[in-house]
Amino acid sequence: MDRSKLFPSTPETRKAWREYWRRVRAGEDPEYPEWMEYMTCGAKTRAGTPCKRRDLYSNGRCRLHGGLSTGPTTPEGKKRAAENGRRPKRKR
């Protein structure tokens, strides 16, 4: 029996997931709900089907569909990243 179908990844379940992890980071010790064990990422894949990965970040998405860095955001970081492209490769 595929329990992920019993506990689908919806905006409401992801909101509850984020709230649970917010409470954990705040130092509380909330009880881990059973349905969270079977929650999947739920993002749309290229094939149009929902992602079935269950190794989720605290934002409710897997490593393929969210949670990774989107690049520098400050002017200093953007400048530093642009300089990396101008430098020639180091020889070993």
C-alpha atoms as a PDB file:
ATOM      1  CA  MET A   1       0.000   0.000   0.000  1.00  0.00           C
ATOM      2  CA  ASP A   2       1.388   3.366  -1.040  1.00  0.00           C
ATOM      3  CA  ARG A   3       0.853   5.568   2.012  1.00  0.00           C
ATOM      4  CA  SER A   4       1.957   8.693   0.140  1.00  0.00           C
ATOM      5  CA  LYS A   5      -1.445   8.589  -1.579  1.00  0.00           C
ATOM      6  CA  LEU A   6      -3.110   8.670   1.856  1.00  0.00           C
ATOM      7  CA  PHE A   7      -1.035  11.700   2.852  1.00  0.00           C
ATOM      8  CA  PRO A   8      -0.667  13.797  -0.322  1.00  0.00           C
ATOM      9  CA  SER A   9       1.632  16.769  -0.554  1.00  0.00           C
ATOM     10  CA  THR A  10      -0.711  19.740  -0.633  1.00  0.00           C
ATOM     11  CA  PRO A  11      -0.154  23.391   0.284  1.00  0.00           C
ATOM     12  CA  GLU A  12      -1.832  22.684   3.638  1.00  0.00           C
ATOM     13  CA  THR A  13       0.401  19.707   4.480  1.00  0.00           C
ATOM     14  CA  ARG A  14       3.539  21.608   3.442  1.00  0.00           C
ATOM     15  CA  LYS A  15       2.424  24.525   5.636  1.00  0.00           C
ATOM     16  CA  ALA A  16       2.019  22.129   8.579  1.00  0.00           C
ATOM     17  CA  TRP A  17       5.455  20.628   7.748  1.00  0.00           C
ATOM     18  CA  ARG A  18       7.103  24.087   7.820  1.00  0.00           C
ATOM     19  CA  GLU A  19       5.312  24.940  11.073  1.00  0.00           C
ATOM     20  CA  TYR A  20       6.578  21.709  12.675  1.00  0.00           C
ATOM     21  CA  TRP A  21      10.184  22.487  11.717  1.00  0.00           C
ATOM     22  CA  ARG A  22       9.803  26.125  12.834  1.00  0.00           C
ATOM     23  CA  ARG A  23       8.824  24.850  16.281  1.00  0.00           C
ATOM     24  CA  VAL A  24      11.764  22.411  16.317  1.00  0.00           C
ATOM     25  CA  ARG A  25      14.216  25.225  15.465  1.00  0.00           C
ATOM     26  CA  ALA A  26      12.663  27.346  18.221  1.00  0.00           C
ATOM     27  CA  GLY A  27      13.694  24.702  20.755  1.00  0.00           C
ATOM     28  CA  GLU A  28      10.289  23.133  21.318  1.00  0.00           C
ATOM     29  CA  ASP A  29       9.834  19.366  21.241  1.00  0.00           C
ATOM     30  CA  PRO A  30       6.638  18.829  19.210  1.00  0.00           C
ATOM     31  CA  GLU A  31       5.348  15.320  18.596  1.00  0.00           C
ATOM     32  CA  TYR A  32       6.201  14.047  15.094  1.00  0.00           C
ATOM     33  CA  PRO A  33       2.878  13.339  13.323  1.00  0.00           C
ATOM     34  CA  GLU A  34       2.581   9.959  11.572  1.00  0.00           C
ATOM     35  CA  TRP A  35       1.523  11.503   8.276  1.00  0.00           C
ATOM     36  CA  MET A  36       4.800  13.408   7.970  1.00  0.00           C
ATOM     37  CA  GLU A  37       6.667  10.122   7.636  1.00  0.00           C
ATOM     38  CA  TYR A  38       4.889   9.453   4.330  1.00  0.00           C
ATOM     39  CA  MET A  39       4.847  12.975   2.911  1.00  0.00           C
ATOM     40  CA  THR A  40       6.391  13.361  -0.540  1.00  0.00           C
ATOM     41  CA  CYS A  41       7.839  16.405  -2.272  1.00  0.00           C
ATOM     42  CA  GLY A  42       4.903  16.713  -4.670  1.00  0.00           C
ATOM     43  CA  ALA A  43       6.587  19.146  -7.080  1.00  0.00           C
ATOM     44  CA  LYS A  44       5.870  18.569 -10.764  1.00  0.00           C
ATOM     45  CA  THR A  45       8.579  16.679 -12.626  1.00  0.00           C
ATOM     46  CA  ARG A  46       9.416  17.262 -16.284  1.00  0.00           C
ATOM     47  CA  ALA A  47       7.118  14.386 -17.162  1.00  0.00           C
ATOM     48  CA  GLY A  48       4.281  16.203 -15.388  1.00  0.00           C
ATOM     49  CA  THR A  49       3.938  13.663 -12.587  1.00  0.00           C
ATOM     50  CA  PRO A  50       4.399  14.566  -8.907  1.00  0.00           C
ATOM     51  CA  CYS A  51       7.851  14.009  -7.397  1.00  0.00           C
ATOM     52  CA  LYS A  52       7.855  10.967  -5.096  1.00  0.00           C
ATOM     53  CA  ARG A  53      10.974  11.726  -3.062  1.00  0.00           C
ATOM     54  CA  ARG A  54      10.517  11.590   0.691  1.00  0.00           C
ATOM     55  CA  ASP A  55      13.862  13.073   1.828  1.00  0.00           C
ATOM     56  CA  LEU A  56      12.567  16.585   2.395  1.00  0.00           C
ATOM     57  CA  TYR A  57      14.098  19.798   3.637  1.00  0.00           C
ATOM     58  CA  SER A  58      12.353  21.786   6.347  1.00  0.00           C
ATOM     59  CA  ASN A  59      10.591  23.767   3.595  1.00  0.00           C
ATOM     60  CA  GLY A  60       8.733  20.631   2.434  1.00  0.00           C
ATOM     61  CA  ARG A  61      10.603  20.102  -0.829  1.00  0.00           C
ATOM     62  CA  CYS A  62      13.338  17.667  -1.842  1.00  0.00           C
ATOM     63  CA  ARG A  63      16.862  18.645  -2.855  1.00  0.00           C
ATOM     64  CA  LEU A  64      15.916  18.527  -6.532  1.00  0.00           C
ATOM     65  CA  HIS A  65      12.959  20.909  -6.226  1.00  0.00           C
ATOM     66  CA  GLY A  66      13.940  23.529  -3.694  1.00  0.00           C
ATOM     67  CA  GLY A  67      16.112  24.496  -0.800  1.00  0.00           C
ATOM     68  CA  LEU A  68      19.420  24.946  -2.579  1.00  0.00           C
ATOM     69  CA  SER A  69      21.210  28.254  -3.063  1.00  0.00           C
ATOM     70  CA  THR A  70      19.956  30.550  -5.808  1.00  0.00           C
ATOM     71  CA  GLY A  71      23.206  32.499  -5.975  1.00  0.00           C
ATOM     72  CA  PRO A  72      24.487  35.714  -4.464  1.00  0.00           C
ATOM     73  CA  THR A  73      21.935  38.373  -3.526  1.00  0.00           C
ATOM     74  CA  THR A  74      24.024  41.225  -2.135  1.00  0.00           C
ATOM     75  CA  PRO A  75      25.864  43.635  -4.442  1.00  0.00           C
ATOM     76  CA  GLU A  76      29.201  42.524  -2.925  1.00  0.00           C
ATOM     77  CA  GLY A  77      28.411  38.849  -3.554  1.00  0.00           C
ATOM     78  CA  LYS A  78      27.319  39.520  -7.125  1.00  0.00           C
ATOM     79  CA  LYS A  79      30.526  41.468  -7.780  1.00  0.00           C
ATOM     80  CA  ARG A  80      32.652  38.638  -6.341  1.00  0.00           C
ATOM     81  CA  ALA A  81      30.821  36.072  -8.519  1.00  0.00           C
ATOM     82  CA  ALA A  82      31.353  38.210 -11.645  1.00  0.00           C
ATOM     83  CA  GLU A  83      35.087  38.437 -10.904  1.00  0.00           C
ATOM     84  CA  ASN A  84      35.309  34.639 -10.794  1.00  0.00           C
ATOM     85  CA  GLY A  85      34.293  34.499 -14.448  1.00  0.00           C
ATOM     86  CA  ARG A  86      36.994  36.985 -15.510  1.00  0.00           C
ATOM     87  CA  ARG A  87      39.930  35.205 -13.892  1.00  0.00           C
ATOM     88  CA  PRO A  88      41.821  32.608 -15.924  1.00  0.00           C
ATOM     89  CA  LYS A  89      41.930  29.075 -14.571  1.00  0.00           C
ATOM     90  CA  ARG A  90      44.748  28.276 -12.176  1.00  0.00           C
ATOM     91  CA  LYS A  91      47.285  25.821 -13.478  1.00  0.00           C
ATOM     92  CA  ARG A  92      47.973  22.870 -11.235  1.00  0.00           C
END
